């Protein structure tokens, strides 16, 4: 199961979601395998161990850290890819992790 977590108003959530969804057909991922989860407030963030917006979990593990989240943050996330800071998880990174972690059916 792939879970996309976000909160309304995060400027990077839509681009990251677009990157994830653009891989669905290419990798043969069923639509039902992707769950969109809006985290509306800090209380829900704590309950869900939300790491910030946007977050992608694959079978409960954070796609960028490989860890099951602990603690919580109700902020926009900032990532580092290739030495550059960004709030967007790149499509190529998502693709590689989904394949590596077996979230995409064998083609």
C-alpha atoms as a PDB file:
ATOM      1  CA  UNK A   1       0.000   0.000   0.000  1.00  0.00           C
ATOM      2  CA  UNK A   2       1.231   3.457  -0.940  1.00  0.00           C
ATOM      3  CA  UNK A   3      -0.035   6.326   1.176  1.00  0.00           C
ATOM      4  CA  UNK A   4       0.343   9.967   0.147  1.00  0.00           C
ATOM      5  CA  UNK A   5       0.011  12.272   3.168  1.00  0.00           C
ATOM      6  CA  UNK A   6      -0.372  16.031   2.893  1.00  0.00           C
ATOM      7  CA  UNK A   7      -2.132  19.057   4.290  1.00  0.00           C
ATOM      8  CA  UNK A   8      -4.095  21.654   2.393  1.00  0.00           C
ATOM      9  CA  UNK A   9      -1.968  24.695   1.657  1.00  0.00           C
ATOM     10  CA  UNK A  10       1.380  22.941   1.282  1.00  0.00           C
ATOM     11  CA  UNK A  11       2.822  24.368  -1.946  1.00  0.00           C
ATOM     12  CA  UNK A  12       4.768  21.190  -2.798  1.00  0.00           C
ATOM     13  CA  UNK A  13       2.094  18.573  -2.213  1.00  0.00           C
ATOM     14  CA  UNK A  14       0.464  18.722  -5.655  1.00  0.00           C
ATOM     15  CA  UNK A  15       3.711  18.435  -7.617  1.00  0.00           C
ATOM     16  CA  UNK A  16       4.825  15.466  -5.518  1.00  0.00           C
ATOM     17  CA  UNK A  17       1.390  13.857  -5.912  1.00  0.00           C
ATOM     18  CA  UNK A  18       1.566  14.416  -9.680  1.00  0.00           C
ATOM     19  CA  UNK A  19       4.992  12.736  -9.706  1.00  0.00           C
ATOM     20  CA  UNK A  20       3.587   9.730  -7.831  1.00  0.00           C
ATOM     21  CA  UNK A  21       0.434   9.410  -9.917  1.00  0.00           C
ATOM     22  CA  UNK A  22       2.344   9.723 -13.194  1.00  0.00           C
ATOM     23  CA  UNK A  23       4.088   6.455 -12.295  1.00  0.00           C
ATOM     24  CA  UNK A  24       0.880   4.513 -11.705  1.00  0.00           C
ATOM     25  CA  UNK A  25       0.340   3.408 -15.302  1.00  0.00           C
ATOM     26  CA  UNK A  26       4.027   3.119 -16.176  1.00  0.00           C
ATOM     27  CA  UNK A  27       4.691   0.746 -13.268  1.00  0.00           C
ATOM     28  CA  UNK A  28       1.347  -1.047 -13.374  1.00  0.00           C
ATOM     29  CA  UNK A  29       0.284   0.057  -9.897  1.00  0.00           C
ATOM     30  CA  UNK A  30      -3.440  -0.416  -9.310  1.00  0.00           C
ATOM     31  CA  UNK A  31      -5.312   2.772  -8.459  1.00  0.00           C
ATOM     32  CA  UNK A  32      -6.617   1.062  -5.320  1.00  0.00           C
ATOM     33  CA  UNK A  33      -3.023   0.704  -4.054  1.00  0.00           C
ATOM     34  CA  UNK A  34      -2.611   4.467  -3.614  1.00  0.00           C
ATOM     35  CA  UNK A  35      -4.377   6.162  -0.722  1.00  0.00           C
ATOM     36  CA  UNK A  36      -4.539   9.956  -0.389  1.00  0.00           C
ATOM     37  CA  UNK A  37      -4.613  11.081   3.240  1.00  0.00           C
ATOM     38  CA  UNK A  38      -5.228  14.705   4.133  1.00  0.00           C
ATOM     39  CA  UNK A  39      -3.913  15.579   7.584  1.00  0.00           C
ATOM     40  CA  UNK A  40      -6.041  18.577   8.607  1.00  0.00           C
ATOM     41  CA  UNK A  41      -4.544  19.560  11.967  1.00  0.00           C
ATOM     42  CA  UNK A  42      -1.764  18.903  14.504  1.00  0.00           C
ATOM     43  CA  UNK A  43      -3.916  16.453  16.486  1.00  0.00           C
ATOM     44  CA  UNK A  44      -4.333  14.248  13.402  1.00  0.00           C
ATOM     45  CA  UNK A  45      -0.636  14.715  12.635  1.00  0.00           C
ATOM     46  CA  UNK A  46       0.266  13.321  16.035  1.00  0.00           C
ATOM     47  CA  UNK A  47      -2.217  10.456  15.732  1.00  0.00           C
ATOM     48  CA  UNK A  48      -0.845   9.446  12.321  1.00  0.00           C
ATOM     49  CA  UNK A  49       2.835  10.151  13.133  1.00  0.00           C
ATOM     50  CA  UNK A  50       2.772  12.548  10.186  1.00  0.00           C
ATOM     51  CA  UNK A  51       6.248  13.677   9.160  1.00  0.00           C
ATOM     52  CA  UNK A  52       5.129  16.760   7.239  1.00  0.00           C
ATOM     53  CA  UNK A  53       3.695  17.598   3.855  1.00  0.00           C
ATOM     54  CA  UNK A  54       4.211  15.917   1.472  1.00  0.00           C
ATOM     55  CA  UNK A  55       5.032  12.433   2.755  1.00  0.00           C
ATOM     56  CA  UNK A  56       4.863   9.153   0.861  1.00  0.00           C
ATOM     57  CA  UNK A  57       4.673   5.940   2.863  1.00  0.00           C
ATOM     58  CA  UNK A  58       5.175   2.527   1.264  1.00  0.00           C
ATOM     59  CA  UNK A  59       3.853  -0.245   3.494  1.00  0.00           C
ATOM     60  CA  UNK A  60       4.241   2.150   6.425  1.00  0.00           C
ATOM     61  CA  UNK A  61       7.832   3.184   5.666  1.00  0.00           C
ATOM     62  CA  UNK A  62       8.774   6.728   4.721  1.00  0.00           C
ATOM     63  CA  UNK A  63       9.928   6.668   1.099  1.00  0.00           C
ATOM     64  CA  UNK A  64      12.794   9.073   1.788  1.00  0.00           C
ATOM     65  CA  UNK A  65      14.143   7.702   5.084  1.00  0.00           C
ATOM     66  CA  UNK A  66      13.192   4.032   4.832  1.00  0.00           C
ATOM     67  CA  UNK A  67      11.977   4.228   8.421  1.00  0.00           C
ATOM     68  CA  UNK A  68       8.583   3.738  10.022  1.00  0.00           C
ATOM     69  CA  UNK A  69       7.753   7.254  11.251  1.00  0.00           C
ATOM     70  CA  UNK A  70       7.954   8.142  14.908  1.00  0.00           C
ATOM     71  CA  UNK A  71       7.077  11.478  16.405  1.00  0.00           C
ATOM     72  CA  UNK A  72       5.281  13.946  14.188  1.00  0.00           C
ATOM     73  CA  UNK A  73       5.622  17.287  12.393  1.00  0.00           C
ATOM     74  CA  UNK A  74       2.852  19.481  11.071  1.00  0.00           C
ATOM     75  CA  UNK A  75       4.955  21.491   8.646  1.00  0.00           C
ATOM     76  CA  UNK A  76       5.964  21.502   5.013  1.00  0.00           C
ATOM     77  CA  UNK A  77       8.830  19.070   4.535  1.00  0.00           C
ATOM     78  CA  UNK A  78      12.164  19.984   3.019  1.00  0.00           C
ATOM     79  CA  UNK A  79      14.212  17.257   1.372  1.00  0.00           C
ATOM     80  CA  UNK A  80      17.743  17.121   0.015  1.00  0.00           C
ATOM     81  CA  UNK A  81      18.295  15.439  -3.355  1.00  0.00           C
ATOM     82  CA  UNK A  82      21.647  15.773  -5.086  1.00  0.00           C
ATOM     83  CA  UNK A  83      22.725  18.429  -2.602  1.00  0.00           C
ATOM     84  CA  UNK A  84      19.730  20.629  -3.428  1.00  0.00           C
ATOM     85  CA  UNK A  85      16.986  21.489  -0.943  1.00  0.00           C
ATOM     86  CA  UNK A  86      13.443  21.051  -2.213  1.00  0.00           C
ATOM     87  CA  UNK A  87       9.950  20.411  -0.940  1.00  0.00           C
ATOM     88  CA  UNK A  88       9.164  18.109  -3.874  1.00  0.00           C
ATOM     89  CA  UNK A  89      10.028  14.413  -4.007  1.00  0.00           C
ATOM     90  CA  UNK A  90      11.373  13.867  -7.539  1.00  0.00           C
ATOM     91  CA  UNK A  91       9.641  11.441  -9.891  1.00  0.00           C
ATOM     92  CA  UNK A  92      12.826   9.466 -10.551  1.00  0.00           C
ATOM     93  CA  UNK A  93      13.418   8.995  -6.814  1.00  0.00           C
ATOM     94  CA  UNK A  94       9.839   7.798  -6.270  1.00  0.00           C
ATOM     95  CA  UNK A  95      10.113   5.424  -9.237  1.00  0.00           C
ATOM     96  CA  UNK A  96      13.381   3.909  -7.994  1.00  0.00           C
ATOM     97  CA  UNK A  97      12.047   3.368  -4.465  1.00  0.00           C
ATOM     98  CA  UNK A  98       8.778   1.830  -5.629  1.00  0.00           C
ATOM     99  CA  UNK A  99      10.676  -0.661  -7.767  1.00  0.00           C
ATOM    100  CA  UNK A 100      13.341  -1.316  -5.112  1.00  0.00           C
ATOM    101  CA  UNK A 101      10.742  -1.916  -2.393  1.00  0.00           C
ATOM    102  CA  UNK A 102       8.517  -4.108  -4.568  1.00  0.00           C
ATOM    103  CA  UNK A 103       5.586  -1.681  -4.592  1.00  0.00           C
ATOM    104  CA  UNK A 104       5.341  -1.934  -8.371  1.00  0.00           C
ATOM    105  CA  UNK A 105       4.208  -5.270  -9.826  1.00  0.00           C
ATOM    106  CA  UNK A 106       6.796  -7.180 -11.830  1.00  0.00           C
ATOM    107  CA  UNK A 107       6.592  -6.111 -15.448  1.00  0.00           C
END
